[in-house]
Protein backbone atom coordinates (compact mmCIF):
# COMPACT_ATOMS: atom_id res chain seq x y z
CA MET A 1 -0.01 0.00 0.01
CA THR A 2 2.81 2.36 0.86
CA GLY A 3 4.36 1.94 -2.62
CA THR A 4 1.11 2.96 -4.26
CA TYR A 5 0.80 6.13 -2.22
CA LEU A 6 4.45 6.98 -2.91
CA THR A 7 3.94 6.44 -6.62
CA ILE A 8 0.90 8.73 -6.61
CA ILE A 9 2.73 11.39 -4.64
CA LEU A 10 5.73 11.26 -7.00
CA ALA A 11 3.47 11.43 -10.05
CA GLY A 12 1.66 14.43 -8.58
CA ALA A 13 4.95 16.17 -7.73
CA ALA A 14 6.18 15.58 -11.21
CA PHE A 15 3.04 17.16 -12.67
CA VAL A 16 3.50 20.16 -10.39
CA LEU A 17 7.22 20.58 -11.00
CA TRP A 18 7.50 19.58 -14.68
CA PRO A 19 4.01 19.60 -16.26
CA ASN A 20 5.14 19.46 -19.90
CA GLU A 21 7.61 16.55 -19.39
CA ALA A 22 5.16 14.63 -17.23
CA GLN A 23 2.47 15.04 -19.83
CA ALA A 24 4.86 13.93 -22.57
CA VAL A 25 5.72 10.75 -20.60
CA LEU A 26 2.06 9.95 -20.10
CA VAL A 27 1.27 10.49 -23.83
CA SER A 28 4.20 8.39 -24.99
CA THR A 29 3.34 5.57 -22.64
CA SER A 30 -0.25 5.67 -23.83
CA LEU A 31 0.84 5.53 -27.48
CA LYS A 32 3.18 2.55 -26.78
CA ILE A 33 0.40 0.66 -25.07
CA GLN A 34 -1.91 1.34 -28.10
CA ILE A 35 0.83 0.14 -30.56
CA PHE A 36 1.28 -3.10 -28.58
CA TYR A 37 -2.49 -3.66 -28.52
CA ILE A 38 -2.82 -3.12 -32.19
CA ASN A 39 0.17 -5.37 -32.96
CA TYR A 40 -1.10 -8.25 -30.90
CA ARG A 41 -4.57 -7.89 -32.23
CA MET A 42 -3.25 -7.95 -35.84
CA LYS A 43 -1.14 -11.00 -34.97
CA PHE A 44 -4.11 -12.81 -33.59
CA MET A 45 -6.37 -11.97 -36.54
CA ALA A 46 -3.61 -12.97 -39.02
CA TRP A 47 -3.13 -16.26 -37.28
CA ARG A 48 -6.93 -16.92 -37.44
CA MET A 49 -6.90 -16.21 -41.13
CA TYR A 50 -3.88 -18.42 -41.61
CA ARG A 51 -5.56 -21.23 -39.79
CA SER A 52 -8.71 -20.80 -41.94
CA LEU A 53 -6.64 -20.69 -45.15
CA LYS A 54 -4.88 -23.88 -44.04
CA LYS A 55 -8.21 -25.62 -43.48
CA MET A 56 -9.56 -24.44 -46.79
CA CYS A 57 -6.48 -25.67 -48.63
CA LYS A 58 -6.61 -29.05 -46.97
CA LYS A 59 -10.33 -29.37 -47.76
CA SER A 60 -9.77 -28.40 -51.44
CA GLY A 61 -6.76 -30.72 -51.82
CA TRP A 62 -4.31 -27.94 -52.45
CA PRO A 63 -0.92 -27.83 -50.82
CA GLU A 64 -0.82 -26.18 -47.48
CA PRO A 65 0.67 -22.66 -47.17
CA GLY A 66 4.10 -22.20 -45.50
CA PRO A 67 4.49 -21.77 -41.83
CA PHE A 68 2.88 -18.76 -40.09
CA ARG A 69 5.07 -15.75 -39.89
CA PHE A 70 4.16 -12.34 -38.54
CA VAL A 71 6.34 -9.24 -38.56
CA ASN A 72 5.77 -6.89 -35.65
CA LEU A 73 4.69 -3.29 -36.46
CA TRP A 74 7.93 -1.89 -35.09
CA ASP A 75 10.05 -4.32 -37.19
CA ARG A 76 8.47 -3.28 -40.55
CA GLU A 77 10.23 -1.06 -42.90
CA SER A 78 7.33 1.25 -43.83
């Protein structure tokens, strides 16, 4: 419990002493969380589509696609 109160007090003090920097830290943290959420949601949806494609290929008698590969958003070139 003490650690929680200390964190709240330090965050409040940071907002009082350095409002622009503290706001920038919160905004950048929020954006990083959003990027991670979007990345993992895209990975899950791509995996589901891959699994569906694999089932359709097997049902139609076509060769199965290669192994599932996903490139994270932060590892892509553009």
